[in-house]
Amino acid sequence: MNDCIFCAIIKGDIPSRKIYEDTELLAFHDVNPQAPVHFLVIPKKHIRNIMELESGDSALLGRLLFKAQELAAALGCADRGARFVINCKSDGGQTVDHLHLHTLGGKPLGWPPG
């Protein structure tokens, strides 16, 4: 997508504070962190939201979740935990139309959010 900010980050057109990158995934710190640990994991394949996943994307989604928990542990959240969030469309709070998983930790997080 030409107008997708996350696709521009993937291409390197917009800088990010990368944590991890491979051929399928990119992880980077959130520019507006809501917790001491707050990063995003995104697929490099442009998928607008979780409702647009196809059956062939299941392995990619599994890798995304596994990488998020692995990075959360590496950033100090292994003992006390973290929150893993995928927002979807406007009612779900999604602000960028590219599937992404927020990982937040490093402090107690209340429920319900917001």
PDB file of N, CA and C in Angstrom:
ATOM      1  N   MET A   1       0.848  -1.184   0.000  1.00  0.00           N
ATOM      2  CA  MET A   1       0.000   0.000   0.000  1.00  0.00           C
ATOM      3  C   MET A   1       0.891   1.243   0.000  1.00  0.00           C
ATOM      4  N   ASN A   2       0.613   2.154  -0.883  1.00  0.00           N
ATOM      5  CA  ASN A   2       1.430   3.352  -1.011  1.00  0.00           C
ATOM      6  C   ASN A   2       1.236   4.339   0.124  1.00  0.00           C
ATOM      7  N   ASP A   3       0.062   4.359   0.744  1.00  0.00           N
ATOM      8  CA  ASP A   3      -0.217   5.338   1.784  1.00  0.00           C
ATOM      9  C   ASP A   3      -0.178   4.752   3.192  1.00  0.00           C
ATOM     10  N   CYS A   4       0.328   3.565   3.356  1.00  0.00           N
ATOM     11  CA  CYS A   4       0.371   2.908   4.668  1.00  0.00           C
ATOM     12  C   CYS A   4       1.660   3.273   5.394  1.00  0.00           C
ATOM     13  N   ILE A   5       1.518   3.875   6.560  1.00  0.00           N
ATOM     14  CA  ILE A   5       2.690   4.297   7.335  1.00  0.00           C
ATOM     15  C   ILE A   5       3.557   3.098   7.746  1.00  0.00           C
ATOM     16  N   PHE A   6       2.936   1.968   8.064  1.00  0.00           N
ATOM     17  CA  PHE A   6       3.732   0.802   8.456  1.00  0.00           C
ATOM     18  C   PHE A   6       4.465   0.206   7.261  1.00  0.00           C
ATOM     19  N   CYS A   7       3.847   0.248   6.076  1.00  0.00           N
ATOM     20  CA  CYS A   7       4.566  -0.207   4.880  1.00  0.00           C
ATOM     21  C   CYS A   7       5.764   0.697   4.606  1.00  0.00           C
ATOM     22  N   ALA A   8       5.614   2.005   4.859  1.00  0.00           N
ATOM     23  CA  ALA A   8       6.728   2.940   4.691  1.00  0.00           C
ATOM     24  C   ALA A   8       7.835   2.656   5.707  1.00  0.00           C
ATOM     25  N   ILE A   9       7.462   2.277   6.926  1.00  0.00           N
ATOM     26  CA  ILE A   9       8.458   1.904   7.938  1.00  0.00           C
ATOM     27  C   ILE A   9       9.183   0.635   7.496  1.00  0.00           C
ATOM     28  N   ILE A  10       8.441  -0.336   6.983  1.00  0.00           N
ATOM     29  CA  ILE A  10       9.045  -1.583   6.503  1.00  0.00           C
ATOM     30  C   ILE A  10      10.057  -1.296   5.401  1.00  0.00           C
ATOM     31  N   LYS A  11       9.719  -0.402   4.474  1.00  0.00           N
ATOM     32  CA  LYS A  11      10.606  -0.064   3.363  1.00  0.00           C
ATOM     33  C   LYS A  11      11.797   0.793   3.801  1.00  0.00           C
ATOM     34  N   GLY A  12      11.738   1.348   5.014  1.00  0.00           N
ATOM     35  CA  GLY A  12      12.815   2.203   5.484  1.00  0.00           C
ATOM     36  C   GLY A  12      12.628   3.664   5.126  1.00  0.00           C
ATOM     37  N   ASP A  13      11.469   4.021   4.566  1.00  0.00           N
ATOM     38  CA  ASP A  13      11.194   5.406   4.206  1.00  0.00           C
ATOM     39  C   ASP A  13      10.909   6.270   5.434  1.00  0.00           C
ATOM     40  N   ILE A  14      10.434   5.648   6.485  1.00  0.00           N
ATOM     41  CA  ILE A  14      10.178   6.325   7.766  1.00  0.00           C
ATOM     42  C   ILE A  14      11.008   5.604   8.812  1.00  0.00           C
ATOM     43  N   PRO A  15      11.793   6.340   9.602  1.00  0.00           N
ATOM     44  CA  PRO A  15      12.634   5.675  10.608  1.00  0.00           C
ATOM     45  C   PRO A  15      11.803   5.102  11.751  1.00  0.00           C
ATOM     46  N   SER A  16      12.339   4.072  12.366  1.00  0.00           N
ATOM     47  CA  SER A  16      11.722   3.477  13.555  1.00  0.00           C
ATOM     48  C   SER A  16      12.835   2.974  14.458  1.00  0.00           C
ATOM     49  N   ARG A  17      12.483   2.747  15.709  1.00  0.00           N
ATOM     50  CA  ARG A  17      13.435   2.156  16.654  1.00  0.00           C
ATOM     51  C   ARG A  17      13.208   0.642  16.637  1.00  0.00           C
ATOM     52  N   LYS A  18      13.847  -0.015  15.684  1.00  0.00           N
ATOM     53  CA  LYS A  18      13.653  -1.450  15.475  1.00  0.00           C
ATOM     54  C   LYS A  18      14.173  -2.265  16.647  1.00  0.00           C
ATOM     55  N   ILE A  19      13.411  -3.306  16.947  1.00  0.00           N
ATOM     56  CA  ILE A  19      13.808  -4.292  17.947  1.00  0.00           C
ATOM     57  C   ILE A  19      14.196  -5.589  17.256  1.00  0.00           C
ATOM     58  N   TYR A  20      13.464  -5.904  16.179  1.00  0.00           N
ATOM     59  CA  TYR A  20      13.658  -7.187  15.501  1.00  0.00           C
ATOM     60  C   TYR A  20      13.182  -7.049  14.060  1.00  0.00           C
ATOM     61  N   GLU A  21      13.846  -7.781  13.158  1.00  0.00           N
ATOM     62  CA  GLU A  21      13.396  -7.839  11.776  1.00  0.00           C
ATOM     63  C   GLU A  21      13.856  -9.139  11.141  1.00  0.00           C
ATOM     64  N   ASP A  22      12.963  -9.745  10.359  1.00  0.00           N
ATOM     65  CA  ASP A  22      13.315 -10.879   9.515  1.00  0.00           C
ATOM     66  C   ASP A  22      12.553 -10.721   8.203  1.00  0.00           C
ATOM     67  N   THR A  23      12.467 -11.757   7.411  1.00  0.00           N
ATOM     68  CA  THR A  23      11.828 -11.638   6.097  1.00  0.00           C
ATOM     69  C   THR A  23      10.319 -11.442   6.168  1.00  0.00           C
ATOM     70  N   GLU A  24       9.694 -11.827   7.286  1.00  0.00           N
ATOM     71  CA  GLU A  24       8.233 -11.745   7.412  1.00  0.00           C
ATOM     72  C   GLU A  24       7.736 -10.734   8.432  1.00  0.00           C
ATOM     73  N   LEU A  25       8.549 -10.394   9.423  1.00  0.00           N
ATOM     74  CA  LEU A  25       8.093  -9.583  10.550  1.00  0.00           C
ATOM     75  C   LEU A  25       9.027  -8.415  10.830  1.00  0.00           C
ATOM     76  N   LEU A  26       8.450  -7.378  11.421  1.00  0.00           N
ATOM     77  CA  LEU A  26       9.219  -6.248  11.928  1.00  0.00           C
ATOM     78  C   LEU A  26       8.646  -5.889  13.290  1.00  0.00           C
ATOM     79  N   ALA A  27       9.526  -5.640  14.262  1.00  0.00           N
ATOM     80  CA  ALA A  27       9.110  -5.191  15.591  1.00  0.00           C
ATOM     81  C   ALA A  27       9.848  -3.899  15.892  1.00  0.00           C
ATOM     82  N   PHE A  28       9.114  -2.934  16.455  1.00  0.00           N
ATOM     83  CA  PHE A  28       9.716  -1.635  16.775  1.00  0.00           C
ATOM     84  C   PHE A  28       8.973  -0.995  17.945  1.00  0.00           C
ATOM     85  N   HIS A  29       9.667  -0.097  18.630  1.00  0.00           N
ATOM     86  CA  HIS A  29       9.085   0.605  19.773  1.00  0.00           C
ATOM     87  C   HIS A  29       7.974   1.542  19.294  1.00  0.00           C
ATOM     88  N   ASP A  30       6.904   1.625  20.070  1.00  0.00           N
ATOM     89  CA  ASP A  30       5.803   2.528  19.767  1.00  0.00           C
ATOM     90  C   ASP A  30       6.272   3.974  19.931  1.00  0.00           C
ATOM     91  N   VAL A  31       5.865   4.860  19.031  1.00  0.00           N
ATOM     92  CA  VAL A  31       6.281   6.263  19.110  1.00  0.00           C
ATOM     93  C   VAL A  31       5.552   7.014  20.220  1.00  0.00           C
ATOM     94  N   ASN A  32       4.453   6.467  20.707  1.00  0.00           N
ATOM     95  CA  ASN A  32       3.691   7.075  21.797  1.00  0.00           C
ATOM     96  C   ASN A  32       3.443   6.006  22.867  1.00  0.00           C
ATOM     97  N   PRO A  33       4.491   5.599  23.586  1.00  0.00           N
ATOM     98  CA  PRO A  33       4.354   4.465  24.506  1.00  0.00           C
ATOM     99  C   PRO A  33       3.360   4.720  25.634  1.00  0.00           C
ATOM    100  N   GLN A  34       2.573   3.692  25.922  1.00  0.00           N
ATOM    101  CA  GLN A  34       1.570   3.738  26.989  1.00  0.00           C
ATOM    102  C   GLN A  34       2.000   2.938  28.209  1.00  0.00           C
ATOM    103  N   ALA A  35       3.211   2.406  28.175  1.00  0.00           N
ATOM    104  CA  ALA A  35       3.777   1.633  29.286  1.00  0.00           C
ATOM    105  C   ALA A  35       5.294   1.656  29.117  1.00  0.00           C
ATOM    106  N   PRO A  36       6.033   1.337  30.178  1.00  0.00           N
ATOM    107  CA  PRO A  36       7.495   1.321  30.056  1.00  0.00           C
ATOM    108  C   PRO A  36       7.996   0.429  28.916  1.00  0.00           C
ATOM    109  N   VAL A  37       7.318  -0.692  28.689  1.00  0.00           N
ATOM    110  CA  VAL A  37       7.589  -1.538  27.531  1.00  0.00           C
ATOM    111  C   VAL A  37       6.374  -1.412  26.624  1.00  0.00           C
ATOM    112  N   HIS A  38       6.566  -0.914  25.414  1.00  0.00           N
ATOM    113  CA  HIS A  38       5.463  -0.813  24.450  1.00  0.00           C
ATOM    114  C   HIS A  38       6.064  -0.869  23.059  1.00  0.00           C
ATOM    115  N   PHE A  39       5.836  -1.999  22.404  1.00  0.00           N
ATOM    116  CA  PHE A  39       6.332  -2.158  21.050  1.00  0.00           C
ATOM    117  C   PHE A  39       5.274  -2.812  20.179  1.00  0.00           C
ATOM    118  N   LEU A  40       5.467  -2.713  18.878  1.00  0.00           N
ATOM    119  CA  LEU A  40       4.573  -3.303  17.899  1.00  0.00           C
ATOM    120  C   LEU A  40       5.295  -4.399  17.151  1.00  0.00           C
ATOM    121  N   VAL A  41       4.572  -5.436  16.798  1.00  0.00           N
ATOM    122  CA  VAL A  41       5.073  -6.455  15.880  1.00  0.00           C
ATOM    123  C   VAL A  41       4.101  -6.448  14.712  1.00  0.00           C
ATOM    124  N   ILE A  42       4.650  -6.321  13.495  1.00  0.00           N
ATOM    125  CA  ILE A  42       3.811  -6.245  12.305  1.00  0.00           C
ATOM    126  C   ILE A  42       4.299  -7.243  11.259  1.00  0.00           C
ATOM    127  N   PRO A  43       3.373  -7.768  10.470  1.00  0.00           N
ATOM    128  CA  PRO A  43       3.807  -8.574   9.333  1.00  0.00           C
ATOM    129  C   PRO A  43       4.273  -7.646   8.221  1.00  0.00           C
ATOM    130  N   LYS A  44       5.260  -8.060   7.460  1.00  0.00           N
ATOM    131  CA  LYS A  44       5.686  -7.268   6.317  1.00  0.00           C
ATOM    132  C   LYS A  44       4.658  -7.335   5.189  1.00  0.00           C
ATOM    133  N   LYS A  45       3.910  -8.420   5.138  1.00  0.00           N
ATOM    134  CA  LYS A  45       2.806  -8.527   4.191  1.00  0.00           C
ATOM    135  C   LYS A  45       1.719  -7.557   4.632  1.00  0.00           C
ATOM    136  N   HIS A  46       1.226  -6.747   3.717  1.00  0.00           N
ATOM    137  CA  HIS A  46       0.168  -5.802   4.080  1.00  0.00           C
ATOM    138  C   HIS A  46      -1.161  -6.537   4.222  1.00  0.00           C
ATOM    139  N   ILE A  47      -1.619  -6.602   5.458  1.00  0.00           N
ATOM    140  CA  ILE A  47      -2.945  -7.128   5.793  1.00  0.00           C
ATOM    141  C   ILE A  47      -3.606  -6.001   6.572  1.00  0.00           C
ATOM    142  N   ARG A  48      -4.735  -5.499   6.106  1.00  0.00           N
ATOM    143  CA  ARG A  48      -5.347  -4.302   6.710  1.00  0.00           C
ATOM    144  C   ARG A  48      -5.721  -4.502   8.179  1.00  0.00           C
ATOM    145  N   ASN A  49      -6.284  -5.655   8.520  1.00  0.00           N
ATOM    146  CA  ASN A  49      -6.699  -5.901   9.897  1.00  0.00           C
ATOM    147  C   ASN A  49      -6.929  -7.394  10.088  1.00  0.00           C
ATOM    148  N   ILE A  50      -7.188  -7.794  11.308  1.00  0.00           N
ATOM    149  CA  ILE A  50      -7.322  -9.223  11.616  1.00  0.00           C
ATOM    150  C   ILE A  50      -8.541  -9.848  10.938  1.00  0.00           C
ATOM    151  N   MET A  51      -9.548  -9.024  10.611  1.00  0.00           N
ATOM    152  CA  MET A  51     -10.735  -9.543   9.928  1.00  0.00           C
ATOM    153  C   MET A  51     -10.440  -9.903   8.472  1.00  0.00           C
ATOM    154  N   GLU A  52      -9.311  -9.457   7.943  1.00  0.00           N
ATOM    155  CA  GLU A  52      -8.954  -9.737   6.558  1.00  0.00           C
ATOM    156  C   GLU A  52      -7.898 -10.835   6.428  1.00  0.00           C
ATOM    157  N   LEU A  53      -7.617 -11.535   7.524  1.00  0.00           N
ATOM    158  CA  LEU A  53      -6.709 -12.676   7.442  1.00  0.00           C
ATOM    159  C   LEU A  53      -7.306 -13.750   6.550  1.00  0.00           C
ATOM    160  N   GLU A  54      -6.451 -14.434   5.835  1.00  0.00           N
ATOM    161  CA  GLU A  54      -6.862 -15.572   5.024  1.00  0.00           C
ATOM    162  C   GLU A  54      -6.315 -16.834   5.666  1.00  0.00           C
ATOM    163  N   SER A  55      -6.843 -17.985   5.287  1.00  0.00           N
ATOM    164  CA  SER A  55      -6.406 -19.233   5.918  1.00  0.00           C
ATOM    165  C   SER A  55      -4.900 -19.435   5.769  1.00  0.00           C
ATOM    166  N   GLY A  56      -4.329 -18.977   4.686  1.00  0.00           N
ATOM    167  CA  GLY A  56      -2.892 -19.114   4.475  1.00  0.00           C
ATOM    168  C   GLY A  56      -2.048 -18.233   5.373  1.00  0.00           C
ATOM    169  N   ASP A  57      -2.684 -17.313   6.102  1.00  0.00           N
ATOM    170  CA  ASP A  57      -1.962 -16.405   6.999  1.00  0.00           C
ATOM    171  C   ASP A  57      -1.813 -16.951   8.415  1.00  0.00           C
ATOM    172  N   SER A  58      -2.342 -18.140   8.684  1.00  0.00           N
ATOM    173  CA  SER A  58      -2.344 -18.636  10.063  1.00  0.00           C
ATOM    174  C   SER A  58      -0.925 -18.847  10.604  1.00  0.00           C
ATOM    175  N   ALA A  59      -0.020 -19.356   9.799  1.00  0.00           N
ATOM    176  CA  ALA A  59       1.360 -19.550  10.264  1.00  0.00           C
ATOM    177  C   ALA A  59       2.027 -18.201  10.543  1.00  0.00           C
ATOM    178  N   LEU A  60       1.747 -17.219   9.694  1.00  0.00           N
ATOM    179  CA  LEU A  60       2.302 -15.873   9.900  1.00  0.00           C
ATOM    180  C   LEU A  60       1.790 -15.274  11.205  1.00  0.00           C
ATOM    181  N   LEU A  61       0.509 -15.423  11.483  1.00  0.00           N
ATOM    182  CA  LEU A  61      -0.051 -14.897  12.726  1.00  0.00           C
ATOM    183  C   LEU A  61       0.548 -15.613  13.930  1.00  0.00           C
ATOM    184  N   GLY A  62       0.759 -16.914  13.823  1.00  0.00           N
ATOM    185  CA  GLY A  62       1.407 -17.658  14.902  1.00  0.00           C
ATOM    186  C   GLY A  62       2.822 -17.158  15.154  1.00  0.00           C
ATOM    187  N   ARG A  63       3.577 -16.907  14.096  1.00  0.00           N
ATOM    188  CA  ARG A  63       4.938 -16.375  14.239  1.00  0.00           C
ATOM    189  C   ARG A  63       4.906 -14.992  14.889  1.00  0.00           C
ATOM    190  N   LEU A  64       3.918 -14.166  14.489  1.00  0.00           N
ATOM    191  CA  LEU A  64       3.787 -12.821  15.052  1.00  0.00           C
ATOM    192  C   LEU A  64       3.572 -12.897  16.562  1.00  0.00           C
ATOM    193  N   LEU A  65       2.668 -13.762  16.998  1.00  0.00           N
ATOM    194  CA  LEU A  65       2.396 -13.915  18.426  1.00  0.00           C
ATOM    195  C   LEU A  65       3.608 -14.475  19.173  1.00  0.00           C
ATOM    196  N   PHE A  66       4.237 -15.461  18.605  1.00  0.00           N
ATOM    197  CA  PHE A  66       5.405 -16.050  19.269  1.00  0.00           C
ATOM    198  C   PHE A  66       6.534 -15.031  19.378  1.00  0.00           C
ATOM    199  N   LYS A  67       6.771 -14.266  18.330  1.00  0.00           N
ATOM    200  CA  LYS A  67       7.836 -13.267  18.373  1.00  0.00           C
ATOM    201  C   LYS A  67       7.515 -12.195  19.414  1.00  0.00           C
ATOM    202  N   ALA A  68       6.259 -11.807  19.539  1.00  0.00           N
ATOM    203  CA  ALA A  68       5.872 -10.809  20.541  1.00  0.00           C
ATOM    204  C   ALA A  68       6.182 -11.292  21.952  1.00  0.00           C
ATOM    205  N   GLN A  69       5.842 -12.537  22.259  1.00  0.00           N
ATOM    206  CA  GLN A  69       6.113 -13.036  23.614  1.00  0.00           C
ATOM    207  C   GLN A  69       7.607 -13.213  23.840  1.00  0.00           C
ATOM    208  N   GLU A  70       8.325 -13.607  22.821  1.00  0.00           N
ATOM    209  CA  GLU A  70       9.778 -13.763  22.929  1.00  0.00           C
ATOM    210  C   GLU A  70      10.453 -12.410  23.193  1.00  0.00           C
ATOM    211  N   LEU A  71      10.029 -11.372  22.465  1.00  0.00           N
ATOM    212  CA  LEU A  71      10.600 -10.040  22.666  1.00  0.00           C
ATOM    213  C   LEU A  71      10.176  -9.450  24.013  1.00  0.00           C
ATOM    214  N   ALA A  72       8.930  -9.698  24.412  1.00  0.00           N
ATOM    215  CA  ALA A  72       8.468  -9.215  25.720  1.00  0.00           C
ATOM    216  C   ALA A  72       9.336  -9.795  26.829  1.00  0.00           C
ATOM    217  N   ALA A  73       9.641 -11.070  26.737  1.00  0.00           N
ATOM    218  CA  ALA A  73      10.508 -11.704  27.737  1.00  0.00           C
ATOM    219  C   ALA A  73      11.899 -11.078  27.715  1.00  0.00           C
ATOM    220  N   ALA A  74      12.437 -10.846  26.530  1.00  0.00           N
ATOM    221  CA  ALA A  74      13.767 -10.255  26.411  1.00  0.00           C
ATOM    222  C   ALA A  74      13.815  -8.831  26.952  1.00  0.00           C
ATOM    223  N   LEU A  75      12.663  -8.141  26.940  1.00  0.00           N
ATOM    224  CA  LEU A  75      12.607  -6.763  27.431  1.00  0.00           C
ATOM    225  C   LEU A  75      12.155  -6.676  28.887  1.00  0.00           C
ATOM    226  N   GLY A  76      12.155  -7.808  29.596  1.00  0.00           N
ATOM    227  CA  GLY A  76      11.929  -7.800  31.036  1.00  0.00           C
ATOM    228  C   GLY A  76      10.533  -8.134  31.512  1.00  0.00           C
ATOM    229  N   CYS A  77       9.677  -8.639  30.647  1.00  0.00           N
ATOM    230  CA  CYS A  77       8.292  -8.918  31.039  1.00  0.00           C
ATOM    231  C   CYS A  77       8.020 -10.385  31.354  1.00  0.00           C
ATOM    232  N   ALA A  78       9.041 -11.218  31.373  1.00  0.00           N
ATOM    233  CA  ALA A  78       8.823 -12.654  31.556  1.00  0.00           C
ATOM    234  C   ALA A  78       8.194 -12.983  32.911  1.00  0.00           C
ATOM    235  N   ASP A  79       8.661 -12.361  33.967  1.00  0.00           N
ATOM    236  CA  ASP A  79       8.183 -12.725  35.307  1.00  0.00           C
ATOM    237  C   ASP A  79       6.809 -12.152  35.637  1.00  0.00           C
ATOM    238  N   ARG A  80       6.565 -10.895  35.268  1.00  0.00           N
ATOM    239  CA  ARG A  80       5.320 -10.242  35.677  1.00  0.00           C
ATOM    240  C   ARG A  80       4.269 -10.197  34.585  1.00  0.00           C
ATOM    241  N   GLY A  81       4.656 -10.517  33.347  1.00  0.00           N
ATOM    242  CA  GLY A  81       3.687 -10.585  32.264  1.00  0.00           C
ATOM    243  C   GLY A  81       3.589  -9.312  31.443  1.00  0.00           C
ATOM    244  N   ALA A  82       2.691  -9.348  30.474  1.00  0.00           N
ATOM    245  CA  ALA A  82       2.486  -8.242  29.542  1.00  0.00           C
ATOM    246  C   ALA A  82       1.089  -8.359  28.953  1.00  0.00           C
ATOM    247  N   ARG A  83       0.693  -7.334  28.244  1.00  0.00           N
ATOM    248  CA  ARG A  83      -0.581  -7.351  27.526  1.00  0.00           C
ATOM    249  C   ARG A  83      -0.276  -7.387  26.029  1.00  0.00           C
ATOM    250  N   PHE A  84      -0.981  -8.257  25.317  1.00  0.00           N
ATOM    251  CA  PHE A  84      -0.824  -8.412  23.878  1.00  0.00           C
ATOM    252  C   PHE A  84      -2.159  -8.035  23.245  1.00  0.00           C
ATOM    253  N   VAL A  85      -2.162  -6.995  22.400  1.00  0.00           N
ATOM    254  CA  VAL A  85      -3.411  -6.426  21.893  1.00  0.00           C
ATOM    255  C   VAL A  85      -3.375  -6.296  20.375  1.00  0.00           C
ATOM    256  N   ILE A  86      -4.440  -6.759  19.730  1.00  0.00           N
ATOM    257  CA  ILE A  86      -4.653  -6.496  18.308  1.00  0.00           C
ATOM    258  C   ILE A  86      -5.979  -5.745  18.189  1.00  0.00           C
ATOM    259  N   ASN A  87      -5.910  -4.467  17.857  1.00  0.00           N
ATOM    260  CA  ASN A  87      -7.110  -3.668  17.631  1.00  0.00           C
ATOM    261  C   ASN A  87      -7.590  -3.910  16.199  1.00  0.00           C
ATOM    262  N   CYS A  88      -8.908  -3.806  15.984  1.00  0.00           N
ATOM    263  CA  CYS A  88      -9.457  -4.080  14.651  1.00  0.00           C
ATOM    264  C   CYS A  88     -10.519  -3.050  14.283  1.00  0.00           C
ATOM    265  N   LYS A  89     -10.269  -2.316  13.242  1.00  0.00           N
ATOM    266  CA  LYS A  89     -11.175  -1.321  12.670  1.00  0.00           C
ATOM    267  C   LYS A  89     -11.491  -0.226  13.693  1.00  0.00           C
ATOM    268  N   SER A  90     -12.373   0.697  13.316  1.00  0.00           N
ATOM    269  CA  SER A  90     -12.598   1.890  14.144  1.00  0.00           C
ATOM    270  C   SER A  90     -13.176   1.568  15.521  1.00  0.00           C
ATOM    271  N   ASP A  91     -14.151   0.681  15.617  1.00  0.00           N
ATOM    272  CA  ASP A  91     -14.736   0.359  16.917  1.00  0.00           C
ATOM    273  C   ASP A  91     -13.742  -0.360  17.824  1.00  0.00           C
ATOM    274  N   GLY A  92     -12.786  -1.048  17.243  1.00  0.00           N
ATOM    275  CA  GLY A  92     -11.771  -1.756  18.023  1.00  0.00           C
ATOM    276  C   GLY A  92     -10.573  -0.888  18.365  1.00  0.00           C
ATOM    277  N   GLY A  93     -10.572   0.368  17.904  1.00  0.00           N
ATOM    278  CA  GLY A  93      -9.490   1.285  18.240  1.00  0.00           C
ATOM    279  C   GLY A  93      -8.299   1.247  17.295  1.00  0.00           C
ATOM    280  N   GLN A  94      -8.440   0.612  16.135  1.00  0.00           N
ATOM    281  CA  GLN A  94      -7.331   0.546  15.183  1.00  0.00           C
ATOM    282  C   GLN A  94      -7.164   1.902  14.511  1.00  0.00           C
ATOM    283  N   THR A  95      -5.942   2.442  14.546  1.00  0.00           N
ATOM    284  CA  THR A  95      -5.681   3.750  13.942  1.00  0.00           C
ATOM    285  C   THR A  95      -4.794   3.671  12.707  1.00  0.00           C
ATOM    286  N   VAL A  96      -4.113   2.549  12.494  1.00  0.00           N
ATOM    287  CA  VAL A  96      -3.320   2.335  11.292  1.00  0.00           C
ATOM    288  C   VAL A  96      -3.850   1.069  10.617  1.00  0.00           C
ATOM    289  N   ASP A  97      -4.229   1.193   9.346  1.00  0.00           N
ATOM    290  CA  ASP A  97      -4.818   0.067   8.625  1.00  0.00           C
ATOM    291  C   ASP A  97      -3.746  -0.883   8.098  1.00  0.00           C
ATOM    292  N   HIS A  98      -3.041  -1.486   9.033  1.00  0.00           N
ATOM    293  CA  HIS A  98      -2.065  -2.539   8.757  1.00  0.00           C
ATOM    294  C   HIS A  98      -2.048  -3.368  10.035  1.00  0.00           C
ATOM    295  N   LEU A  99      -2.317  -4.649   9.914  1.00  0.00           N
ATOM    296  CA  LEU A  99      -2.359  -5.528  11.082  1.00  0.00           C
ATOM    297  C   LEU A  99      -1.123  -5.322  11.948  1.00  0.00           C
ATOM    298  N   HIS A 100      -1.332  -5.124  13.237  1.00  0.00           N
ATOM    299  CA  HIS A 100      -0.210  -4.972  14.160  1.00  0.00           C
ATOM    300  C   HIS A 100      -0.621  -5.401  15.558  1.00  0.00           C
ATOM    301  N   LEU A 101       0.341  -5.916  16.279  1.00  0.00           N
ATOM    302  CA  LEU A 101       0.129  -6.372  17.641  1.00  0.00           C
ATOM    303  C   LEU A 101       0.909  -5.469  18.586  1.00  0.00           C
ATOM    304  N   HIS A 102       0.194  -4.823  19.512  1.00  0.00           N
ATOM    305  CA  HIS A 102       0.829  -4.031  20.562  1.00  0.00           C
ATOM    306  C   HIS A 102       1.229  -4.972  21.696  1.00  0.00           C
ATOM    307  N   THR A 103       2.418  -4.794  22.221  1.00  0.00           N
ATOM    308  CA  THR A 103       2.839  -5.490  23.429  1.00  0.00           C
ATOM    309  C   THR A 103       3.185  -4.425  24.454  1.00  0.00           C
ATOM    310  N   LEU A 104       2.528  -4.498  25.617  1.00  0.00           N
ATOM    311  CA  LEU A 104       2.726  -3.517  26.682  1.00  0.00           C
ATOM    312  C   LEU A 104       3.079  -4.234  27.974  1.00  0.00           C
ATOM    313  N   GLY A 105       4.014  -3.680  28.728  1.00  0.00           N
ATOM    314  CA  GLY A 105       4.390  -4.278  29.999  1.00  0.00           C
ATOM    315  C   GLY A 105       5.265  -3.336  30.780  1.00  0.00           C
ATOM    316  N   GLY A 106       5.785  -3.857  31.858  1.00  0.00           N
ATOM    317  CA  GLY A 106       6.660  -3.072  32.719  1.00  0.00           C
ATOM    318  C   GLY A 106       5.935  -2.319  33.817  1.00  0.00           C
ATOM    319  N   LYS A 107       4.614  -2.489  33.903  1.00  0.00           N
ATOM    320  CA  LYS A 107       3.818  -1.906  34.977  1.00  0.00           C
ATOM    321  C   LYS A 107       2.493  -2.640  35.011  1.00  0.00           C
ATOM    322  N   PRO A 108       1.778  -2.593  36.141  1.00  0.00           N
ATOM    323  CA  PRO A 108       0.443  -3.203  36.177  1.00  0.00           C
ATOM    324  C   PRO A 108      -0.509  -2.465  35.228  1.00  0.00           C
ATOM    325  N   LEU A 109      -1.265  -3.204  34.467  1.00  0.00           N
ATOM    326  CA  LEU A 109      -2.213  -2.624  33.516  1.00  0.00           C
ATOM    327  C   LEU A 109      -3.624  -2.961  33.978  1.00  0.00           C
ATOM    328  N   GLY A 110      -4.461  -1.972  34.093  1.00  0.00           N
ATOM    329  CA  GLY A 110      -5.826  -2.170  34.568  1.00  0.00           C
ATOM    330  C   GLY A 110      -6.752  -2.733  33.514  1.00  0.00           C
ATOM    331  N   TRP A 111      -7.939  -3.146  33.977  1.00  0.00           N
ATOM    332  CA  TRP A 111      -8.970  -3.623  33.062  1.00  0.00           C
ATOM    333  C   TRP A 111     -10.303  -3.088  33.527  1.00  0.00           C
ATOM    334  N   PRO A 112     -11.166  -2.609  32.699  1.00  0.00           N
ATOM    335  CA  PRO A 112     -10.996  -2.540  31.252  1.00  0.00           C
ATOM    336  C   PRO A 112     -10.042  -1.418  30.852  1.00  0.00           C
ATOM    337  N   PRO A 113      -9.441  -1.546  29.666  1.00  0.00           N
ATOM    338  CA  PRO A 113      -8.520  -0.521  29.203  1.00  0.00           C
ATOM    339  C   PRO A 113      -9.261   0.770  28.878  1.00  0.00           C
ATOM    340  N   GLY A 114      -8.519   1.872  28.919  1.00  0.00           N
ATOM    341  CA  GLY A 114      -9.037   3.182  28.493  1.00  0.00           C
ATOM    342  C   GLY A 114     -10.157   3.643  29.314  1.00  0.00           C
TER     343      GLY A 114
END
